Amino acid sequence: MLVISTRTWFKPKSTVSKLAIVYDGGMAFSVGGWLRVPTNPTPAPLDFGFVCEDLDRGLSATLTGAENAKLKVKRETCIPATEGAADYDVSRPVSTRYGKPMIRLLGVPAFRGLLCHPGNDALDTEGCQIPGLHVSPDFDSVLDSKIAWEWLDARVAECLARKERVRWRILRDAKAWAAFRGLAGQ
């Protein structure tokens, strides 16, 4: 299974992504409900919902750890985008903080213990991924997070139980990123 977050709305304190799932099991859930996924040749991503994170400060998995560390503000920075680098592998260990299995992204430069868990806005994350079924009207938080997280967690658990690899890819919408960084039209 491949989870794809495309960062689309860049706000002063948060970043909201469109979330899509490429699920190898023949059926997948999207905003419109359950859909049959063609598995040959390659399943297309299904729009699932959204992800809220902290502010995007330009971290990238293609930068060195030291370069990312210079850009990072602790508890106020979203994780590096994977554009041009390997996707993050996903595991599901028992969290010492939450006392139950949680989705964990592995190998994230300049971050440790990065989780995907329920929440609503950037105040609920310290770099973690906060999924939601809907985005707020001002595009700075997500709604129905617990429902989205429970569904995503169940799919991750199913895939890992079958020994399937689960990956998470983080992209940026090029036009939105350029506008946010003040580079549009240059």
Foldseek 3Di string as FASTA:
>chain_A
DEKEWAFEAADPWKTKTFIWDFAQPQWDQALVGIDGFDPPPGTDTHGHAMKMETGAQAAAPVDDLVVNLVSDDFLRHAFHADVVHDFWWWDWDQDPVVRGTFIFTPDTRPDPGATEDADWASVVTRNHIQTARYADPVRGIHPRRHVSRVVVVVSNVVCVVVVHIYTYGYHYDVQSVCVVVVNPPD
